Amino acid sequence: MKDWAVRDLPKPSAFIQWKGTDVCMDCYCLCGESFHIDAEFAYAVTCPHCNRRYEMSAVIEMREIYDDEVWDGCIIDAEDAK
């Protein structure tokens, strides 16, 4: 793994352990274009507009849910996830 993926982790964030599963993602390139991926093993992607290549990071952003926000998803308690 490249050290850029885990160096200087911004907080809040989460580390993903990629396990080669399916992914569906919208990608936004530096060239200003966007593209969609539905694939397995998408550890790296190429922009079809400019051919820039990107390695997927193992770090994702987390956004705090405030008390006044309505959110009906499943919240995993870290104690229960052990």
PDB file of N, CA and C in Angstrom:
ATOM      1  N   MET A   1       0.850  -1.181   0.000  1.00  0.00           N
ATOM      2  CA  MET A   1       0.000   0.000   0.000  1.00  0.00           C
ATOM      3  C   MET A   1       0.887   1.231   0.000  1.00  0.00           C
ATOM      4  N   LYS A   2       0.510   2.193  -0.763  1.00  0.00           N
ATOM      5  CA  LYS A   2       1.241   3.451  -0.798  1.00  0.00           C
ATOM      6  C   LYS A   2       1.026   4.196   0.521  1.00  0.00           C
ATOM      7  N   ASP A   3       2.075   4.826   1.034  1.00  0.00           N
ATOM      8  CA  ASP A   3       1.913   5.510   2.320  1.00  0.00           C
ATOM      9  C   ASP A   3       1.066   6.768   2.216  1.00  0.00           C
ATOM     10  N   TRP A   4       0.864   7.329   0.996  1.00  0.00           N
ATOM     11  CA  TRP A   4       0.025   8.516   0.870  1.00  0.00           C
ATOM     12  C   TRP A   4      -1.400   8.234   1.310  1.00  0.00           C
ATOM     13  N   ALA A   5      -1.820   6.989   1.227  1.00  0.00           N
ATOM     14  CA  ALA A   5      -3.196   6.633   1.548  1.00  0.00           C
ATOM     15  C   ALA A   5      -3.489   6.699   3.038  1.00  0.00           C
ATOM     16  N   VAL A   6      -2.467   6.626   3.879  1.00  0.00           N
ATOM     17  CA  VAL A   6      -2.703   6.639   5.324  1.00  0.00           C
ATOM     18  C   VAL A   6      -1.926   7.736   6.041  1.00  0.00           C
ATOM     19  N   ARG A   7      -1.055   8.436   5.346  1.00  0.00           N
ATOM     20  CA  ARG A   7      -0.272   9.509   5.956  1.00  0.00           C
ATOM     21  C   ARG A   7      -1.162  10.737   6.160  1.00  0.00           C
ATOM     22  N   ASP A   8      -0.996  11.437   7.242  1.00  0.00           N
ATOM     23  CA  ASP A   8      -1.726  12.677   7.500  1.00  0.00           C
ATOM     24  C   ASP A   8      -3.235  12.511   7.367  1.00  0.00           C
ATOM     25  N   LEU A   9      -3.774  11.532   8.093  1.00  0.00           N
ATOM     26  CA  LEU A   9      -5.215  11.291   8.029  1.00  0.00           C
ATOM     27  C   LEU A   9      -5.987  12.504   8.531  1.00  0.00           C
ATOM     28  N   PRO A  10      -6.847  13.071   7.683  1.00  0.00           N
ATOM     29  CA  PRO A  10      -7.681  14.168   8.171  1.00  0.00           C
ATOM     30  C   PRO A  10      -8.753  13.604   9.090  1.00  0.00           C
ATOM     31  N   LYS A  11      -9.113  14.320  10.096  1.00  0.00           N
ATOM     32  CA  LYS A  11     -10.147  13.853  11.009  1.00  0.00           C
ATOM     33  C   LYS A  11     -11.384  14.720  10.841  1.00  0.00           C
ATOM     34  N   PRO A  12     -12.572  14.192  10.838  1.00  0.00           N
ATOM     35  CA  PRO A  12     -12.861  12.772  11.006  1.00  0.00           C
ATOM     36  C   PRO A  12     -12.704  12.026   9.681  1.00  0.00           C
ATOM     37  N   SER A  13     -12.252  10.809   9.747  1.00  0.00           N
ATOM     38  CA  SER A  13     -12.112   9.971   8.560  1.00  0.00           C
ATOM     39  C   SER A  13     -12.182   8.509   8.970  1.00  0.00           C
ATOM     40  N   ALA A  14     -12.230   7.643   7.984  1.00  0.00           N
ATOM     41  CA  ALA A  14     -12.275   6.204   8.227  1.00  0.00           C
ATOM     42  C   ALA A  14     -11.319   5.524   7.251  1.00  0.00           C
ATOM     43  N   PHE A  15     -10.704   4.444   7.688  1.00  0.00           N
ATOM     44  CA  PHE A  15      -9.816   3.655   6.842  1.00  0.00           C
ATOM     45  C   PHE A  15     -10.592   2.462   6.310  1.00  0.00           C
ATOM     46  N   ILE A  16     -10.581   2.264   5.005  1.00  0.00           N
ATOM     47  CA  ILE A  16     -11.290   1.137   4.379  1.00  0.00           C
ATOM     48  C   ILE A  16     -10.282   0.045   4.068  1.00  0.00           C
ATOM     49  N   GLN A  17     -10.613  -1.178   4.401  1.00  0.00           N
ATOM     50  CA  GLN A  17      -9.802  -2.314   3.972  1.00  0.00           C
ATOM     51  C   GLN A  17     -10.463  -2.861   2.713  1.00  0.00           C
ATOM     52  N   TRP A  18      -9.896  -2.533   1.557  1.00  0.00           N
ATOM     53  CA  TRP A  18     -10.452  -2.994   0.282  1.00  0.00           C
ATOM     54  C   TRP A  18     -10.382  -4.506   0.212  1.00  0.00           C
ATOM     55  N   LYS A  19     -11.494  -5.121  -0.160  1.00  0.00           N
ATOM     56  CA  LYS A  19     -11.541  -6.576  -0.263  1.00  0.00           C
ATOM     57  C   LYS A  19     -12.011  -7.019  -1.644  1.00  0.00           C
ATOM     58  N   GLY A  20     -11.837  -6.157  -2.636  1.00  0.00           N
ATOM     59  CA  GLY A  20     -12.138  -6.521  -4.004  1.00  0.00           C
ATOM     60  C   GLY A  20     -13.612  -6.666  -4.328  1.00  0.00           C
ATOM     61  N   THR A  21     -14.476  -6.043  -3.550  1.00  0.00           N
ATOM     62  CA  THR A  21     -15.905  -6.176  -3.783  1.00  0.00           C
ATOM     63  C   THR A  21     -16.381  -5.196  -4.853  1.00  0.00           C
ATOM     64  N   ASP A  22     -17.634  -5.372  -5.274  1.00  0.00           N
ATOM     65  CA  ASP A  22     -18.232  -4.479  -6.270  1.00  0.00           C
ATOM     66  C   ASP A  22     -18.268  -3.051  -5.753  1.00  0.00           C
ATOM     67  N   VAL A  23     -18.140  -2.110  -6.681  1.00  0.00           N
ATOM     68  CA  VAL A  23     -18.273  -0.708  -6.322  1.00  0.00           C
ATOM     69  C   VAL A  23     -19.060   0.012  -7.411  1.00  0.00           C
ATOM     70  N   CYS A  24     -19.857   0.945  -6.979  1.00  0.00           N
ATOM     71  CA  CYS A  24     -20.593   1.831  -7.863  1.00  0.00           C
ATOM     72  C   CYS A  24     -20.204   3.229  -7.409  1.00  0.00           C
ATOM     73  N   MET A  25     -19.526   4.013  -8.270  1.00  0.00           N
ATOM     74  CA  MET A  25     -19.075   5.337  -7.817  1.00  0.00           C
ATOM     75  C   MET A  25     -19.106   6.350  -8.939  1.00  0.00           C
ATOM     76  N   ASP A  26     -19.380   7.579  -8.559  1.00  0.00           N
ATOM     77  CA  ASP A  26     -19.278   8.720  -9.456  1.00  0.00           C
ATOM     78  C   ASP A  26     -17.930   9.369  -9.180  1.00  0.00           C
ATOM     79  N   CYS A  27     -17.148   9.569 -10.220  1.00  0.00           N
ATOM     80  CA  CYS A  27     -15.801  10.116 -10.088  1.00  0.00           C
ATOM     81  C   CYS A  27     -15.750  11.509 -10.701  1.00  0.00           C
ATOM     82  N   TYR A  28     -15.033  12.411 -10.059  1.00  0.00           N
ATOM     83  CA  TYR A  28     -14.911  13.794 -10.503  1.00  0.00           C
ATOM     84  C   TYR A  28     -13.432  14.083 -10.717  1.00  0.00           C
ATOM     85  N   CYS A  29     -13.042  14.270 -11.962  1.00  0.00           N
ATOM     86  CA  CYS A  29     -11.637  14.397 -12.336  1.00  0.00           C
ATOM     87  C   CYS A  29     -11.161  15.847 -12.259  1.00  0.00           C
ATOM     88  N   LEU A  30      -9.859  16.016 -12.147  1.00  0.00           N
ATOM     89  CA  LEU A  30      -9.253  17.341 -12.165  1.00  0.00           C
ATOM     90  C   LEU A  30      -9.490  18.072 -13.488  1.00  0.00           C
ATOM     91  N   CYS A  31      -9.772  17.339 -14.559  1.00  0.00           N
ATOM     92  CA  CYS A  31     -10.022  17.967 -15.862  1.00  0.00           C
ATOM     93  C   CYS A  31     -11.381  18.658 -15.912  1.00  0.00           C
ATOM     94  N   GLY A  32     -12.198  18.455 -14.855  1.00  0.00           N
ATOM     95  CA  GLY A  32     -13.511  19.083 -14.796  1.00  0.00           C
ATOM     96  C   GLY A  32     -14.645  18.173 -15.243  1.00  0.00           C
ATOM     97  N   GLU A  33     -14.321  17.037 -15.807  1.00  0.00           N
ATOM     98  CA  GLU A  33     -15.335  16.083 -16.251  1.00  0.00           C
ATOM     99  C   GLU A  33     -15.635  15.075 -15.147  1.00  0.00           C
ATOM    100  N   SER A  34     -16.732  14.358 -15.289  1.00  0.00           N
ATOM    101  CA  SER A  34     -17.078  13.302 -14.340  1.00  0.00           C
ATOM    102  C   SER A  34     -17.374  12.035 -15.127  1.00  0.00           C
ATOM    103  N   PHE A  35     -17.331  10.910 -14.423  1.00  0.00           N
ATOM    104  CA  PHE A  35     -17.643   9.633 -15.049  1.00  0.00           C
ATOM    105  C   PHE A  35     -18.129   8.673 -13.984  1.00  0.00           C
ATOM    106  N   HIS A  36     -18.765   7.602 -14.408  1.00  0.00           N
ATOM    107  CA  HIS A  36     -19.370   6.637 -13.490  1.00  0.00           C
ATOM    108  C   HIS A  36     -18.691   5.287 -13.650  1.00  0.00           C
ATOM    109  N   ILE A  37     -18.488   4.597 -12.541  1.00  0.00           N
ATOM    110  CA  ILE A  37     -17.871   3.266 -12.532  1.00  0.00           C
ATOM    111  C   ILE A  37     -18.819   2.291 -11.831  1.00  0.00           C
ATOM    112  N   ASP A  38     -19.080   1.167 -12.455  1.00  0.00           N
ATOM    113  CA  ASP A  38     -19.719  -0.008 -11.845  1.00  0.00           C
ATOM    114  C   ASP A  38     -18.759  -1.143 -12.134  1.00  0.00           C
ATOM    115  N   ALA A  39     -18.014  -1.591 -11.134  1.00  0.00           N
ATOM    116  CA  ALA A  39     -16.967  -2.577 -11.412  1.00  0.00           C
ATOM    117  C   ALA A  39     -16.598  -3.345 -10.156  1.00  0.00           C
ATOM    118  N   GLU A  40     -15.845  -4.409 -10.362  1.00  0.00           N
ATOM    119  CA  GLU A  40     -15.203  -5.142  -9.280  1.00  0.00           C
ATOM    120  C   GLU A  40     -13.720  -4.790  -9.304  1.00  0.00           C
ATOM    121  N   PHE A  41     -13.091  -4.857  -8.157  1.00  0.00           N
ATOM    122  CA  PHE A  41     -11.648  -4.653  -8.047  1.00  0.00           C
ATOM    123  C   PHE A  41     -11.209  -3.290  -8.602  1.00  0.00           C
ATOM    124  N   ALA A  42     -11.946  -2.246  -8.280  1.00  0.00           N
ATOM    125  CA  ALA A  42     -11.646  -0.898  -8.783  1.00  0.00           C
ATOM    126  C   ALA A  42     -10.615  -0.217  -7.886  1.00  0.00           C
ATOM    127  N   TYR A  43      -9.430  -0.764  -7.848  1.00  0.00           N
ATOM    128  CA  TYR A  43      -8.358  -0.190  -7.037  1.00  0.00           C
ATOM    129  C   TYR A  43      -7.749   1.038  -7.698  1.00  0.00           C
ATOM    130  N   ALA A  44      -7.948   1.173  -9.009  1.00  0.00           N
ATOM    131  CA  ALA A  44      -7.478   2.341  -9.757  1.00  0.00           C
ATOM    132  C   ALA A  44      -8.430   2.551 -10.929  1.00  0.00           C
ATOM    133  N   VAL A  45      -8.581   3.811 -11.345  1.00  0.00           N
ATOM    134  CA  VAL A  45      -9.459   4.136 -12.469  1.00  0.00           C
ATOM    135  C   VAL A  45      -8.749   5.109 -13.399  1.00  0.00           C
ATOM    136  N   THR A  46      -9.195   5.126 -14.659  1.00  0.00           N
ATOM    137  CA  THR A  46      -8.692   6.064 -15.654  1.00  0.00           C
ATOM    138  C   THR A  46      -9.846   6.933 -16.112  1.00  0.00           C
ATOM    139  N   CYS A  47      -9.643   8.244 -16.134  1.00  0.00           N
ATOM    140  CA  CYS A  47     -10.667   9.158 -16.633  1.00  0.00           C
ATOM    141  C   CYS A  47     -10.796   8.943 -18.143  1.00  0.00           C
ATOM    142  N   PRO A  48     -12.012   8.667 -18.629  1.00  0.00           N
ATOM    143  CA  PRO A  48     -12.185   8.440 -20.063  1.00  0.00           C
ATOM    144  C   PRO A  48     -12.079   9.717 -20.897  1.00  0.00           C
ATOM    145  N   HIS A  49     -12.040  10.866 -20.230  1.00  0.00           N
ATOM    146  CA  HIS A  49     -11.987  12.147 -20.934  1.00  0.00           C
ATOM    147  C   HIS A  49     -10.557  12.636 -21.152  1.00  0.00           C
ATOM    148  N   CYS A  50      -9.691  12.452 -20.156  1.00  0.00           N
ATOM    149  CA  CYS A  50      -8.323  12.988 -20.258  1.00  0.00           C
ATOM    150  C   CYS A  50      -7.243  11.929 -20.027  1.00  0.00           C
ATOM    151  N   ASN A  51      -7.650  10.723 -19.668  1.00  0.00           N
ATOM    152  CA  ASN A  51      -6.737   9.591 -19.416  1.00  0.00           C
ATOM    153  C   ASN A  51      -5.878   9.728 -18.164  1.00  0.00           C
ATOM    154  N   ARG A  52      -6.232  10.654 -17.249  1.00  0.00           N
ATOM    155  CA  ARG A  52      -5.545  10.671 -15.958  1.00  0.00           C
ATOM    156  C   ARG A  52      -5.889   9.387 -15.222  1.00  0.00           C
ATOM    157  N   ARG A  53      -4.907   8.856 -14.506  1.00  0.00           N
ATOM    158  CA  ARG A  53      -5.126   7.639 -13.726  1.00  0.00           C
ATOM    159  C   ARG A  53      -5.135   7.981 -12.249  1.00  0.00           C
ATOM    160  N   TYR A  54      -6.021   7.344 -11.507  1.00  0.00           N
ATOM    161  CA  TYR A  54      -6.162   7.586 -10.070  1.00  0.00           C
ATOM    162  C   TYR A  54      -6.166   6.264  -9.315  1.00  0.00           C
ATOM    163  N   GLU A  55      -5.382   6.207  -8.250  1.00  0.00           N
ATOM    164  CA  GLU A  55      -5.430   5.078  -7.328  1.00  0.00           C
ATOM    165  C   GLU A  55      -6.464   5.400  -6.259  1.00  0.00           C
ATOM    166  N   MET A  56      -7.286   4.434  -5.895  1.00  0.00           N
ATOM    167  CA  MET A  56      -8.292   4.653  -4.864  1.00  0.00           C
ATOM    168  C   MET A  56      -7.622   4.709  -3.499  1.00  0.00           C
ATOM    169  N   SER A  57      -7.961   5.711  -2.729  1.00  0.00           N
ATOM    170  CA  SER A  57      -7.449   5.832  -1.375  1.00  0.00           C
ATOM    171  C   SER A  57      -8.189   4.869  -0.459  1.00  0.00           C
ATOM    172  N   ALA A  58      -7.564   4.518   0.625  1.00  0.00           N
ATOM    173  CA  ALA A  58      -8.198   3.673   1.629  1.00  0.00           C
ATOM    174  C   ALA A  58      -8.836   4.526   2.726  1.00  0.00           C
ATOM    175  N   VAL A  59      -8.884   5.843   2.519  1.00  0.00           N
ATOM    176  CA  VAL A  59      -9.424   6.762   3.515  1.00  0.00           C
ATOM    177  C   VAL A  59     -10.650   7.455   2.931  1.00  0.00           C
ATOM    178  N   ILE A  60     -11.729   7.482   3.711  1.00  0.00           N
ATOM    179  CA  ILE A  60     -12.924   8.204   3.301  1.00  0.00           C
ATOM    180  C   ILE A  60     -13.270   9.253   4.347  1.00  0.00           C
ATOM    181  N   GLU A  61     -13.941  10.285   3.904  1.00  0.00           N
ATOM    182  CA  GLU A  61     -14.381  11.363   4.783  1.00  0.00           C
ATOM    183  C   GLU A  61     -15.574  10.903   5.617  1.00  0.00           C
ATOM    184  N   MET A  62     -15.642  11.336   6.854  1.00  0.00           N
ATOM    185  CA  MET A  62     -16.816  11.105   7.682  1.00  0.00           C
ATOM    186  C   MET A  62     -17.428  12.465   8.020  1.00  0.00           C
ATOM    187  N   ARG A  63     -18.745  12.548   8.021  1.00  0.00           N
ATOM    188  CA  ARG A  63     -19.443  13.782   8.350  1.00  0.00           C
ATOM    189  C   ARG A  63     -20.270  13.553   9.598  1.00  0.00           C
ATOM    190  N   GLU A  64     -20.123  14.435  10.572  1.00  0.00           N
ATOM    191  CA  GLU A  64     -20.862  14.303  11.830  1.00  0.00           C
ATOM    192  C   GLU A  64     -22.355  14.508  11.613  1.00  0.00           C
ATOM    193  N   ILE A  65     -23.158  13.687  12.277  1.00  0.00           N
ATOM    194  CA  ILE A  65     -24.610  13.830  12.255  1.00  0.00           C
ATOM    195  C   ILE A  65     -24.998  14.583  13.530  1.00  0.00           C
ATOM    196  N   TYR A  66     -25.580  15.746  13.354  1.00  0.00           N
ATOM    197  CA  TYR A  66     -25.946  16.562  14.510  1.00  0.00           C
ATOM    198  C   TYR A  66     -27.291  16.119  15.084  1.00  0.00           C
ATOM    199  N   ASP A  67     -27.518  16.438  16.352  1.00  0.00           N
ATOM    200  CA  ASP A  67     -28.721  16.000  17.057  1.00  0.00           C
ATOM    201  C   ASP A  67     -30.009  16.453  16.371  1.00  0.00           C
ATOM    202  N   ASP A  68     -29.990  17.602  15.699  1.00  0.00           N
ATOM    203  CA  ASP A  68     -31.211  18.109  15.078  1.00  0.00           C
ATOM    204  C   ASP A  68     -31.440  17.545  13.663  1.00  0.00           C
ATOM    205  N   GLU A  69     -30.564  16.658  13.202  1.00  0.00           N
ATOM    206  CA  GLU A  69     -30.727  16.064  11.879  1.00  0.00           C
ATOM    207  C   GLU A  69     -31.510  14.756  11.977  1.00  0.00           C
ATOM    208  N   VAL A  70     -32.384  14.554  11.035  1.00  0.00           N
ATOM    209  CA  VAL A  70     -33.126  13.302  10.957  1.00  0.00           C
ATOM    210  C   VAL A  70     -32.338  12.359  10.068  1.00  0.00           C
ATOM    211  N   TRP A  71     -32.004  11.195  10.585  1.00  0.00           N
ATOM    212  CA  TRP A  71     -31.258  10.190   9.819  1.00  0.00           C
ATOM    213  C   TRP A  71     -31.751   8.838  10.253  1.00  0.00           C
ATOM    214  N   ASP A  72     -32.282   8.057   9.315  1.00  0.00           N
ATOM    215  CA  ASP A  72     -32.906   6.788   9.678  1.00  0.00           C
ATOM    216  C   ASP A  72     -32.081   5.572   9.247  1.00  0.00           C
ATOM    217  N   GLY A  73     -30.813   5.759   8.987  1.00  0.00           N
ATOM    218  CA  GLY A  73     -29.956   4.636   8.611  1.00  0.00           C
ATOM    219  C   GLY A  73     -29.533   3.827   9.825  1.00  0.00           C
ATOM    220  N   CYS A  74     -28.766   2.818   9.576  1.00  0.00           N
ATOM    221  CA  CYS A  74     -28.263   1.946  10.636  1.00  0.00           C
ATOM    222  C   CYS A  74     -26.965   2.528  11.189  1.00  0.00           C
ATOM    223  N   ILE A  75     -26.947   2.842  12.460  1.00  0.00           N
ATOM    224  CA  ILE A  75     -25.743   3.353  13.102  1.00  0.00           C
ATOM    225  C   ILE A  75     -25.087   2.217  13.864  1.00  0.00           C
ATOM    226  N   ILE A  76     -23.839   1.945  13.571  1.00  0.00           N
ATOM    227  CA  ILE A  76     -23.092   0.867  14.222  1.00  0.00           C
ATOM    228  C   ILE A  76     -22.363   1.435  15.432  1.00  0.00           C
ATOM    229  N   ASP A  77     -22.644   0.911  16.593  1.00  0.00           N
ATOM    230  CA  ASP A  77     -21.940   1.283  17.821  1.00  0.00           C
ATOM    231  C   ASP A  77     -20.613   0.542  17.827  1.00  0.00           C
ATOM    232  N   ALA A  78     -19.514   1.253  18.018  1.00  0.00           N
ATOM    233  CA  ALA A  78     -18.185   0.644  17.966  1.00  0.00           C
ATOM    234  C   ALA A  78     -18.048  -0.513  18.954  1.00  0.00           C
ATOM    235  N   GLU A  79     -18.692  -0.451  20.095  1.00  0.00           N
ATOM    236  CA  GLU A  79     -18.648  -1.537  21.086  1.00  0.00           C
ATOM    237  C   GLU A  79     -19.333  -2.786  20.554  1.00  0.00           C
ATOM    238  N   ASP A  80     -20.396  -2.606  19.770  1.00  0.00           N
ATOM    239  CA  ASP A  80     -21.143  -3.747  19.218  1.00  0.00           C
ATOM    240  C   ASP A  80     -20.425  -4.359  18.012  1.00  0.00           C
ATOM    241  N   ALA A  81     -19.533  -3.608  17.378  1.00  0.00           N
ATOM    242  CA  ALA A  81     -18.885  -4.058  16.148  1.00  0.00           C
ATOM    243  C   ALA A  81     -17.647  -4.934  16.396  1.00  0.00           C
ATOM    244  N   LYS A  82     -17.268  -5.115  17.654  1.00  0.00           N
ATOM    245  CA  LYS A  82     -16.053  -5.878  17.963  1.00  0.00           C
ATOM    246  C   LYS A  82     -16.245  -7.347  17.722  1.00  0.00           C
TER     247      LYS A  82
END
